[in-house]
Amino acid sequence: MTSPDETPELPHRQRRLLFRALHRGTKECDLMLGGFVRRHIGALSPPELDELEAIMELPDVDLADWFSGRRAAPPEVRGPLFDRIAAESAAPGAGVPEHLR
């Protein structure tokens, strides 16, 4: 698993977001949200980082339901980045760590 200490090339804001995404408190969000952030954090634009910070404020239980498709996300929480995370999370094998695939 990637830790912020293993990504010194990332700016502080991105390292902090990566750490928060990988240490959510529920395994489902660690895998779905953390996996997405680990794969894409270096390429996210400042507006996408803003959206990611807003997503991080949402409860894990809701995020897991929305990203997995168990419940539809309300329009007020959806945005371009949210929809990308949800689409990747819905793909077959999503959330399975790379070393287990």
C-alpha atoms as a PDB file:
ATOM      1  CA  MET A   1       0.000   0.000   0.000  1.00  0.00           C
ATOM      2  CA  THR A   2       1.275   3.439  -0.830  1.00  0.00           C
ATOM      3  CA  SER A   3       1.869   5.814   2.022  1.00  0.00           C
ATOM      4  CA  PRO A   4       2.462   9.556   1.762  1.00  0.00           C
ATOM      5  CA  ASP A   5       6.066   8.963   2.862  1.00  0.00           C
ATOM      6  CA  GLU A   6       6.578   6.790  -0.240  1.00  0.00           C
ATOM      7  CA  THR A   7       5.414   9.595  -2.562  1.00  0.00           C
ATOM      8  CA  PRO A   8       7.749  12.513  -1.744  1.00  0.00           C
ATOM      9  CA  GLU A   9       7.424  13.806  -5.323  1.00  0.00           C
ATOM     10  CA  LEU A  10       3.797  14.754  -4.689  1.00  0.00           C
ATOM     11  CA  PRO A  11       3.004  18.178  -3.273  1.00  0.00           C
ATOM     12  CA  HIS A  12       1.871  18.284   0.354  1.00  0.00           C
ATOM     13  CA  ARG A  13      -1.814  18.713  -0.519  1.00  0.00           C
ATOM     14  CA  GLN A  14      -1.842  15.592  -2.689  1.00  0.00           C
ATOM     15  CA  ARG A  15       0.111  13.532  -0.132  1.00  0.00           C
ATOM     16  CA  ARG A  16      -2.383  14.560   2.544  1.00  0.00           C
ATOM     17  CA  LEU A  17      -5.359  13.651   0.334  1.00  0.00           C
ATOM     18  CA  LEU A  18      -3.797  10.312  -0.554  1.00  0.00           C
ATOM     19  CA  PHE A  19      -3.286   9.490   3.116  1.00  0.00           C
ATOM     20  CA  ARG A  20      -6.869  10.472   3.970  1.00  0.00           C
ATOM     21  CA  ALA A  21      -8.247   8.411   1.076  1.00  0.00           C
ATOM     22  CA  LEU A  22      -6.310   5.315   2.136  1.00  0.00           C
ATOM     23  CA  HIS A  23      -7.222   5.634   5.830  1.00  0.00           C
ATOM     24  CA  ARG A  24     -10.950   6.314   5.758  1.00  0.00           C
ATOM     25  CA  GLY A  25     -12.064   4.041   8.548  1.00  0.00           C
ATOM     26  CA  THR A  26     -13.944   1.478   6.485  1.00  0.00           C
ATOM     27  CA  LYS A  27     -12.244  -1.085   4.302  1.00  0.00           C
ATOM     28  CA  GLU A  28     -14.707  -0.504   1.456  1.00  0.00           C
ATOM     29  CA  CYS A  29     -13.842   3.181   1.168  1.00  0.00           C
ATOM     30  CA  ASP A  30     -10.144   2.514   1.674  1.00  0.00           C
ATOM     31  CA  LEU A  31     -10.293   0.212  -1.357  1.00  0.00           C
ATOM     32  CA  MET A  32     -12.673   2.161  -3.616  1.00  0.00           C
ATOM     33  CA  LEU A  33     -11.793   5.776  -2.856  1.00  0.00           C
ATOM     34  CA  GLY A  34      -8.222   5.095  -1.777  1.00  0.00           C
ATOM     35  CA  GLY A  35      -7.531   2.938  -4.813  1.00  0.00           C
ATOM     36  CA  PHE A  36      -8.851   5.603  -7.169  1.00  0.00           C
ATOM     37  CA  VAL A  37      -6.863   8.353  -5.463  1.00  0.00           C
ATOM     38  CA  ARG A  38      -3.682   6.232  -5.455  1.00  0.00           C
ATOM     39  CA  ARG A  39      -4.008   5.684  -9.210  1.00  0.00           C
ATOM     40  CA  HIS A  40      -4.904   9.263 -10.172  1.00  0.00           C
ATOM     41  CA  ILE A  41      -3.720  11.735  -7.518  1.00  0.00           C
ATOM     42  CA  GLY A  42      -0.741  12.948  -9.537  1.00  0.00           C
ATOM     43  CA  ALA A  43      -2.913  13.893 -12.514  1.00  0.00           C
ATOM     44  CA  LEU A  44      -5.797  15.654 -10.739  1.00  0.00           C
ATOM     45  CA  SER A  45      -6.263  19.345 -11.496  1.00  0.00           C
ATOM     46  CA  PRO A  46      -6.776  21.927  -8.730  1.00  0.00           C
ATOM     47  CA  PRO A  47     -10.591  21.941  -9.281  1.00  0.00           C
ATOM     48  CA  GLU A  48     -10.584  18.139  -9.102  1.00  0.00           C
ATOM     49  CA  LEU A  49      -8.586  18.296  -5.862  1.00  0.00           C
ATOM     50  CA  ASP A  50     -11.223  20.695  -4.504  1.00  0.00           C
ATOM     51  CA  GLU A  51     -13.948  18.214  -5.457  1.00  0.00           C
ATOM     52  CA  LEU A  52     -11.956  15.373  -3.892  1.00  0.00           C
ATOM     53  CA  GLU A  53     -11.695  17.321  -0.631  1.00  0.00           C
ATOM     54  CA  ALA A  54     -15.486  17.780  -0.651  1.00  0.00           C
ATOM     55  CA  ILE A  55     -15.986  14.058  -1.320  1.00  0.00           C
ATOM     56  CA  MET A  56     -13.693  13.244   1.607  1.00  0.00           C
ATOM     57  CA  GLU A  57     -16.059  15.074   3.945  1.00  0.00           C
ATOM     58  CA  LEU A  58     -18.936  12.700   3.139  1.00  0.00           C
ATOM     59  CA  PRO A  59     -19.671   9.710   5.404  1.00  0.00           C
ATOM     60  CA  ASP A  60     -18.018   6.414   4.485  1.00  0.00           C
ATOM     61  CA  VAL A  61     -21.277   4.463   4.681  1.00  0.00           C
ATOM     62  CA  ASP A  62     -22.870   6.712   2.070  1.00  0.00           C
ATOM     63  CA  LEU A  63     -19.793   6.756  -0.163  1.00  0.00           C
ATOM     64  CA  ALA A  64     -19.565   2.958  -0.139  1.00  0.00           C
ATOM     65  CA  ASP A  65     -23.241   2.654  -1.071  1.00  0.00           C
ATOM     66  CA  TRP A  66     -23.025   5.269  -3.805  1.00  0.00           C
ATOM     67  CA  PHE A  67     -19.741   4.049  -5.313  1.00  0.00           C
ATOM     68  CA  SER A  68     -20.867   0.419  -5.286  1.00  0.00           C
ATOM     69  CA  GLY A  69     -24.247   1.254  -6.828  1.00  0.00           C
ATOM     70  CA  ARG A  70     -26.285   0.016  -3.856  1.00  0.00           C
ATOM     71  CA  ARG A  71     -27.935   3.440  -3.701  1.00  0.00           C
ATOM     72  CA  ALA A  72     -28.084   6.330  -6.128  1.00  0.00           C
ATOM     73  CA  ALA A  73     -26.047   9.354  -5.094  1.00  0.00           C
ATOM     74  CA  PRO A  74     -28.058  12.542  -4.620  1.00  0.00           C
ATOM     75  CA  PRO A  75     -27.468  15.170  -7.305  1.00  0.00           C
ATOM     76  CA  GLU A  76     -25.950  17.643  -4.840  1.00  0.00           C
ATOM     77  CA  VAL A  77     -22.952  15.377  -4.127  1.00  0.00           C
ATOM     78  CA  ARG A  78     -22.319  14.304  -7.711  1.00  0.00           C
ATOM     79  CA  GLY A  79     -19.743  15.973  -9.893  1.00  0.00           C
ATOM     80  CA  PRO A  80     -17.325  14.981 -12.646  1.00  0.00           C
ATOM     81  CA  LEU A  81     -14.764  13.470 -10.266  1.00  0.00           C
ATOM     82  CA  PHE A  82     -17.408  11.754  -8.144  1.00  0.00           C
ATOM     83  CA  ASP A  83     -18.836  10.162 -11.299  1.00  0.00           C
ATOM     84  CA  ARG A  84     -15.361   8.968 -12.380  1.00  0.00           C
ATOM     85  CA  ILE A  85     -14.779   7.352  -8.986  1.00  0.00           C
ATOM     86  CA  ALA A  86     -18.212   5.709  -9.101  1.00  0.00           C
ATOM     87  CA  ALA A  87     -17.611   4.398 -12.637  1.00  0.00           C
ATOM     88  CA  GLU A  88     -14.249   2.868 -11.696  1.00  0.00           C
ATOM     89  CA  SER A  89     -15.719   1.424  -8.504  1.00  0.00           C
ATOM     90  CA  ALA A  90     -18.496  -0.282 -10.484  1.00  0.00           C
ATOM     91  CA  ALA A  91     -16.064  -2.046 -12.831  1.00  0.00           C
ATOM     92  CA  PRO A  92     -15.523  -5.793 -12.368  1.00  0.00           C
ATOM     93  CA  GLY A  93     -12.716  -6.418  -9.872  1.00  0.00           C
ATOM     94  CA  ALA A  94     -12.792  -2.849  -8.564  1.00  0.00           C
ATOM     95  CA  GLY A  95     -11.480  -2.574  -5.049  1.00  0.00           C
ATOM     96  CA  VAL A  96      -9.409  -5.736  -5.315  1.00  0.00           C
ATOM     97  CA  PRO A  97      -5.811  -4.840  -4.476  1.00  0.00           C
ATOM     98  CA  GLU A  98      -3.408  -5.202  -7.404  1.00  0.00           C
ATOM     99  CA  HIS A  99      -1.406  -7.961  -5.717  1.00  0.00           C
ATOM    100  CA  LEU A 100      -4.561 -10.113  -5.424  1.00  0.00           C
ATOM    101  CA  ARG A 101      -5.682  -9.822  -9.056  1.00  0.00           C
END
